[in-house]
């Protein structure tokens, strides 16, 4: 009876659907093309997974609190432009330029949070406006062109952020460890800390949370700041890895990140989120992007698969939720 109870809880968990989908996806791609699970291809998947994954972790906390941030894609590109403009012009060393870029990203998040909490403007509209402001700023600074190339070789900061090494022939970037660290930290915050209770309460019922002493406004502002900081951090990591700071980089990332979080089982209306589910959602979409290319499907069809997966996962989550509420 105990095993049956555990099985029922496992199946009704929001992470169950994404886990099954990921396993099926891996099995299909590997069957069609065995190179899908080769060491080289897994290394490539992990490399590109990290940058969007960092943003998705922060977005999970923010969406659990009942808000969205559509400006993360533009902050992704803008932060790298700011850092390399300061560094290439000789105004600052790389390390200081990095800190300034992250500070500006946090300021952007702070402004988003104030507009949402103080002026009661929906986060969708606030961050949509900020997306245009930040993207326009990046284009203005660079005259619409990517930054000139540079070399970050020999910089300890570049090695710490995206240093490359091999383990038995398997290439790994340091950014993978940053992703793992933040995944563990955000999971702990959401599930084991008082702050996690505040986040879930803010998204579940803000008025009830305030009556219980939760500072809902401060919680949401801090989450907006964290979301922007993670977007900036991910953009800088990407710029060091690719040796390019393109003002248009990150375009469309905001929607893909939200898709990862939703597929993972975080509730769109707030109140319940899962970092484990988000990690699964991250790998689902990144493996999908990689796999459809390996098996010969045109890359332009990627959005078709994303849309189908989102619709399917929403239907599955709804079905599991109804079964859970019915006690079956």
Protein backbone atom coordinates (compact mmCIF):
# COMPACT_ATOMS: atom_id res chain seq x y z
CA UNK A 1 0.00 0.00 0.00
CA UNK A 2 2.90 2.31 0.83
CA UNK A 3 4.47 1.65 -2.56
CA UNK A 4 1.19 2.44 -4.27
CA UNK A 5 0.89 5.69 -2.37
CA UNK A 6 4.43 6.68 -3.34
CA UNK A 7 3.73 5.81 -6.98
CA UNK A 8 0.59 7.95 -6.98
CA UNK A 9 2.49 10.89 -5.51
CA UNK A 10 5.27 10.44 -8.06
CA UNK A 11 2.88 10.36 -11.01
CA UNK A 12 0.94 13.40 -9.77
CA UNK A 13 4.14 15.43 -9.25
CA UNK A 14 4.61 18.28 -11.77
CA UNK A 15 8.06 16.88 -12.67
CA UNK A 16 6.63 13.52 -13.82
CA UNK A 17 5.43 14.70 -17.23
CA UNK A 18 8.69 16.47 -18.18
CA UNK A 19 10.73 13.46 -17.02
CA UNK A 20 8.75 11.06 -19.21
CA UNK A 21 8.94 13.44 -22.17
CA UNK A 22 12.71 13.82 -21.81
CA UNK A 23 13.24 10.05 -21.66
CA UNK A 24 11.04 9.50 -24.73
CA UNK A 25 12.80 12.29 -26.59
CA UNK A 26 16.25 10.88 -25.85
CA UNK A 27 15.15 7.39 -26.87
CA UNK A 28 13.69 8.56 -30.20
CA UNK A 29 16.66 10.69 -31.22
CA UNK A 30 19.16 8.00 -30.20
CA UNK A 31 17.26 5.34 -32.14
CA UNK A 32 17.24 7.45 -35.30
CA UNK A 33 20.82 8.71 -34.91
CA UNK A 34 23.08 6.91 -32.39
CA UNK A 35 25.48 9.88 -32.49
CA UNK A 36 22.94 11.85 -30.49
CA UNK A 37 24.33 10.45 -27.22
CA UNK A 38 27.96 10.68 -28.28
CA UNK A 39 30.32 12.48 -25.94
CA UNK A 40 30.89 15.29 -28.43
CA UNK A 41 27.19 15.92 -28.96
CA UNK A 42 26.36 15.82 -25.25
CA UNK A 43 29.15 18.34 -24.68
CA UNK A 44 27.64 20.61 -27.33
CA UNK A 45 24.17 20.33 -25.79
CA UNK A 46 25.50 21.23 -22.33
CA UNK A 47 27.41 24.21 -23.72
CA UNK A 48 24.30 25.87 -25.15
CA UNK A 49 22.02 24.68 -22.35
CA UNK A 50 23.80 26.63 -19.65
CA UNK A 51 23.22 30.11 -21.02
CA UNK A 52 19.44 29.84 -21.35
CA UNK A 53 19.30 27.61 -18.30
CA UNK A 54 20.68 30.28 -15.98
CA UNK A 55 17.91 32.66 -17.03
CA UNK A 56 15.27 29.94 -16.69
CA UNK A 57 16.24 29.24 -13.07
CA UNK A 58 15.63 32.86 -12.09
CA UNK A 59 12.48 33.01 -14.21
CA UNK A 60 11.11 30.03 -12.26
CA UNK A 61 11.30 31.96 -9.00
CA UNK A 62 9.78 35.05 -10.60
CA UNK A 63 6.90 33.14 -12.22
CA UNK A 64 6.25 31.31 -8.97
CA UNK A 65 5.74 34.76 -7.46
CA UNK A 66 3.19 35.44 -10.20
CA UNK A 67 5.23 37.71 -12.48
CA UNK A 68 6.97 37.60 -15.88
CA UNK A 69 10.10 39.21 -17.25
CA UNK A 70 10.13 39.71 -21.02
CA UNK A 71 13.25 41.90 -20.88
CA UNK A 72 15.71 39.09 -20.08
CA UNK A 73 16.64 38.51 -23.73
CA UNK A 74 17.55 42.15 -24.27
CA UNK A 75 19.46 42.29 -20.96
CA UNK A 76 21.34 39.19 -22.14
CA UNK A 77 22.71 41.11 -25.12
CA UNK A 78 22.99 44.52 -23.45
CA UNK A 79 25.11 43.39 -20.49
CA UNK A 80 27.77 41.91 -22.75
CA UNK A 81 27.80 45.09 -24.84
CA UNK A 82 28.27 47.23 -21.72
CA UNK A 83 31.09 45.08 -20.33
CA UNK A 84 33.07 44.91 -23.55
CA UNK A 85 32.52 48.59 -24.37
CA UNK A 86 34.02 49.53 -21.02
CA UNK A 87 36.86 47.05 -21.42
CA UNK A 88 37.70 47.71 -25.08
CA UNK A 89 37.73 51.47 -24.55
CA UNK A 90 40.29 51.07 -21.78
CA UNK A 91 38.04 52.65 -19.15
CA UNK A 92 38.07 49.62 -16.87
CA UNK A 93 39.76 46.27 -16.43
CA UNK A 94 37.63 43.29 -17.38
CA UNK A 95 36.78 42.35 -13.81
CA UNK A 96 35.49 45.82 -12.92
CA UNK A 97 33.61 46.09 -16.22
CA UNK A 98 31.94 42.77 -15.39
CA UNK A 99 30.75 44.06 -12.01
CA UNK A 100 29.45 47.29 -13.55
CA UNK A 101 27.52 45.36 -16.22
CA UNK A 102 25.90 43.12 -13.60
CA UNK A 103 25.09 46.17 -11.44
CA UNK A 104 23.36 47.85 -14.40
CA UNK A 105 21.43 44.65 -15.09
CA UNK A 106 20.26 44.61 -11.48
CA UNK A 107 19.23 48.26 -11.79
CA UNK A 108 17.10 47.34 -14.80
CA UNK A 109 15.43 44.64 -12.72
CA UNK A 110 14.92 47.09 -9.87
CA UNK A 111 13.14 49.52 -12.22
CA UNK A 112 10.96 46.68 -13.52
CA UNK A 113 10.07 45.71 -9.98
CA UNK A 114 9.20 49.26 -8.92
CA UNK A 115 6.91 49.80 -11.91
CA UNK A 116 5.12 46.53 -11.18
CA UNK A 117 4.78 46.88 -7.42
CA UNK A 118 4.45 50.64 -6.91
CA UNK A 119 2.44 51.57 -10.02
CA UNK A 120 0.53 48.29 -10.23
CA UNK A 121 1.28 47.89 -13.94
CA UNK A 122 1.22 44.26 -15.16
CA UNK A 123 4.71 42.84 -15.45
CA UNK A 124 3.97 41.75 -19.02
CA UNK A 125 3.61 45.38 -20.12
CA UNK A 126 6.42 46.77 -17.96
CA UNK A 127 9.01 44.28 -19.13
CA UNK A 128 7.85 44.49 -22.74
CA UNK A 129 8.56 48.22 -22.61
CA UNK A 130 11.90 47.59 -20.89
CA UNK A 131 12.78 45.05 -23.60
CA UNK A 132 12.52 47.81 -26.21
CA UNK A 133 14.44 50.34 -24.11
CA UNK A 134 17.31 47.99 -23.34
CA UNK A 135 17.55 46.54 -26.84
CA UNK A 136 17.49 50.04 -28.31
CA UNK A 137 20.25 51.11 -25.92
CA UNK A 138 22.45 48.21 -27.00
CA UNK A 139 21.91 49.06 -30.67
CA UNK A 140 22.63 52.76 -30.02
CA UNK A 141 25.88 52.04 -28.17
CA UNK A 142 27.17 49.78 -30.95
CA UNK A 143 25.60 51.61 -33.93
CA UNK A 144 23.78 48.36 -34.62
CA UNK A 145 26.94 46.34 -35.24
CA UNK A 146 28.59 43.61 -33.13
CA UNK A 147 31.47 44.73 -30.96
CA UNK A 148 34.94 44.41 -32.41
CA UNK A 149 36.65 41.13 -31.61
CA UNK A 150 38.95 40.80 -28.63
CA UNK A 151 40.89 38.14 -26.79
CA UNK A 152 40.05 37.16 -23.26
CA UNK A 153 42.89 34.64 -23.14
CA UNK A 154 44.98 34.85 -20.01
CA UNK A 155 42.19 36.44 -17.97
CA UNK A 156 41.49 34.58 -14.75
CA UNK A 157 37.88 35.75 -14.87
CA UNK A 158 37.35 34.29 -18.34
CA UNK A 159 38.81 31.00 -17.14
CA UNK A 160 36.58 30.98 -14.07
CA UNK A 161 33.43 31.68 -16.08
CA UNK A 162 33.92 29.62 -19.23
CA UNK A 163 37.27 27.89 -18.91
CA UNK A 164 37.40 24.72 -20.99
CA UNK A 165 38.88 21.41 -19.90
CA UNK A 166 38.46 17.75 -20.80
CA UNK A 167 37.62 14.69 -18.71
CA UNK A 168 38.55 11.48 -20.52
CA UNK A 169 38.09 13.26 -23.82
CA UNK A 170 34.78 14.83 -22.76
CA UNK A 171 34.88 18.62 -23.16
CA UNK A 172 33.38 20.62 -20.32
CA UNK A 173 33.06 24.36 -19.79
CA UNK A 174 33.21 25.93 -16.34
CA UNK A 175 29.83 27.50 -17.07
CA UNK A 176 28.27 24.05 -16.61
CA UNK A 177 29.36 24.10 -12.97
CA UNK A 178 27.92 27.61 -12.54
CA UNK A 179 24.61 26.32 -13.84
CA UNK A 180 24.69 23.34 -11.47
CA UNK A 181 25.55 25.63 -8.54
CA UNK A 182 22.69 28.02 -9.23
CA UNK A 183 20.27 25.13 -9.84
CA UNK A 184 21.07 23.69 -6.41
CA UNK A 185 20.89 27.11 -4.76
CA UNK A 186 17.55 28.10 -6.29
CA UNK A 187 16.07 24.68 -5.54
CA UNK A 188 17.09 25.05 -1.90
CA UNK A 189 15.69 28.58 -1.70
CA UNK A 190 12.35 27.57 -3.22
CA UNK A 191 11.81 24.37 -1.24
CA UNK A 192 13.75 24.64 2.00
CA UNK A 193 13.91 28.28 2.99
CA UNK A 194 11.61 30.92 4.42
CA UNK A 195 12.21 33.01 1.30
CA UNK A 196 10.76 30.16 -0.76
CA UNK A 197 7.59 30.30 1.31
CA UNK A 198 7.39 34.05 0.71
CA UNK A 199 7.82 33.55 -3.04
CA UNK A 200 5.09 30.92 -3.26
CA UNK A 201 2.76 32.88 -1.01
CA UNK A 202 3.27 36.04 -3.08
CA UNK A 203 2.25 34.20 -6.23
CA UNK A 204 -0.54 32.14 -4.68
CA UNK A 205 -2.45 34.87 -2.90
CA UNK A 206 -0.69 38.19 -2.49
CA UNK A 207 -3.30 39.70 -0.16
CA UNK A 208 -3.26 36.70 2.16
CA UNK A 209 0.55 36.78 2.12
CA UNK A 210 0.54 40.44 3.16
CA UNK A 211 -1.87 39.68 5.98
CA UNK A 212 0.60 37.07 7.23
CA UNK A 213 3.43 39.59 7.27
CA UNK A 214 5.10 38.81 3.95
CA UNK A 215 6.61 41.85 2.25
CA UNK A 216 5.25 40.95 -1.18
CA UNK A 217 6.54 44.07 -2.94
CA UNK A 218 10.10 43.67 -1.71
CA UNK A 219 10.06 39.97 -2.58
CA UNK A 220 8.99 40.68 -6.16
CA UNK A 221 11.47 43.54 -6.62
CA UNK A 222 14.34 41.32 -5.48
CA UNK A 223 13.21 38.59 -7.85
CA UNK A 224 13.13 41.02 -10.78
CA UNK A 225 16.66 42.11 -9.86
CA UNK A 226 17.80 38.49 -9.66
CA UNK A 227 16.19 37.72 -13.02
CA UNK A 228 18.02 40.59 -14.74
CA UNK A 229 21.30 39.78 -13.01
CA UNK A 230 21.14 36.16 -14.20
CA UNK A 231 20.31 37.30 -17.73
CA UNK A 232 23.30 39.63 -17.68
CA UNK A 233 25.54 36.93 -16.25
CA UNK A 234 24.44 34.47 -18.94
CA UNK A 235 25.00 37.06 -21.68
CA UNK A 236 28.52 37.78 -20.49
CA UNK A 237 29.33 34.06 -20.35
CA UNK A 238 28.06 33.70 -23.92
CA UNK A 239 30.09 36.68 -25.13
CA UNK A 240 33.32 35.31 -23.67
CA UNK A 241 32.70 31.88 -25.15
CA UNK A 242 31.91 33.20 -28.64
CA UNK A 243 34.24 36.25 -28.56
CA UNK A 244 31.40 38.45 -29.75
CA UNK A 245 29.03 40.97 -28.18
CA UNK A 246 26.14 41.32 -30.57
CA UNK A 247 23.47 43.87 -29.54
CA UNK A 248 20.85 41.58 -31.07
CA UNK A 249 21.94 38.49 -29.16
CA UNK A 250 19.26 37.05 -26.91
CA UNK A 251 16.43 37.98 -29.27
CA UNK A 252 13.52 35.65 -28.60
CA UNK A 253 15.17 34.12 -25.54
CA UNK A 254 12.48 35.43 -23.22
CA UNK A 255 9.79 33.29 -24.85
CA UNK A 256 11.98 30.20 -25.00
CA UNK A 257 12.88 30.58 -21.33
CA UNK A 258 9.23 30.93 -20.34
CA UNK A 259 8.50 27.81 -22.41
CA UNK A 260 11.18 25.90 -20.48
CA UNK A 261 9.71 26.94 -17.16
CA UNK A 262 6.12 26.15 -18.18
CA UNK A 263 7.04 22.77 -19.66
CA UNK A 264 8.81 21.99 -16.39
CA UNK A 265 5.57 22.36 -14.45
CA UNK A 266 5.65 25.84 -12.95
CA UNK A 267 2.15 27.28 -12.82
CA UNK A 268 1.61 30.28 -15.09
CA UNK A 269 -0.62 32.02 -12.57
CA UNK A 270 1.96 31.71 -9.79
CA UNK A 271 1.98 30.03 -6.40
CA UNK A 272 3.77 26.83 -7.39
CA UNK A 273 7.09 26.31 -9.09
CA UNK A 274 9.70 23.61 -9.44
CA UNK A 275 13.39 24.02 -10.18
CA UNK A 276 13.77 20.30 -10.89
CA UNK A 277 10.99 20.55 -13.46
CA UNK A 278 12.63 23.63 -15.00
CA UNK A 279 15.94 21.79 -15.36
CA UNK A 280 14.07 19.00 -17.15
CA UNK A 281 12.31 21.58 -19.33
CA UNK A 282 15.65 23.15 -20.19
CA UNK A 283 17.09 19.85 -21.36
CA UNK A 284 13.89 18.96 -23.23
CA UNK A 285 14.04 22.04 -25.43
CA UNK A 286 17.80 22.15 -25.90
CA UNK A 287 17.92 18.44 -26.74
CA UNK A 288 15.02 19.02 -29.12
CA UNK A 289 16.86 21.82 -30.93
CA UNK A 290 19.96 19.64 -31.25
CA UNK A 291 18.16 16.41 -32.09
CA UNK A 292 15.97 17.66 -34.92
CA UNK A 293 19.07 18.91 -36.71
CA UNK A 294 20.88 15.59 -36.26
CA UNK A 295 17.99 13.58 -37.70
CA UNK A 296 17.62 15.87 -40.68
CA UNK A 297 14.57 17.93 -39.76
CA UNK A 298 14.90 21.56 -40.95
CA UNK A 299 15.94 23.81 -38.08
CA UNK A 300 13.20 26.27 -39.02
CA UNK A 301 10.68 23.67 -37.86
CA UNK A 302 11.94 23.99 -34.27
CA UNK A 303 9.15 26.35 -33.21
CA UNK A 304 6.57 23.84 -34.43
CA UNK A 305 7.95 21.27 -32.00
CA UNK A 306 8.12 23.81 -29.16
CA UNK A 307 4.50 24.81 -29.66
CA UNK A 308 3.35 21.20 -29.83
CA UNK A 309 5.29 20.31 -26.67
CA UNK A 310 3.85 23.29 -24.76
CA UNK A 311 0.30 22.40 -25.74
CA UNK A 312 0.85 18.74 -24.89
CA UNK A 313 2.45 19.49 -21.53
CA UNK A 314 -0.28 21.93 -20.60
CA UNK A 315 -2.89 19.26 -21.35
CA UNK A 316 -0.94 16.71 -19.29
CA UNK A 317 -0.48 19.07 -16.34
CA UNK A 318 -4.20 19.88 -16.42
CA UNK A 319 -5.12 16.19 -16.45
CA UNK A 320 -2.76 15.35 -13.59
CA UNK A 321 -4.03 18.33 -11.59
CA UNK A 322 -7.64 17.18 -11.97
CA UNK A 323 -6.71 13.65 -10.89
CA UNK A 324 -4.80 15.03 -7.92
CA UNK A 325 -7.71 17.21 -6.83
CA UNK A 326 -10.08 14.30 -7.23
CA UNK A 327 -7.83 12.17 -5.03
CA UNK A 328 -7.28 9.46 -7.65
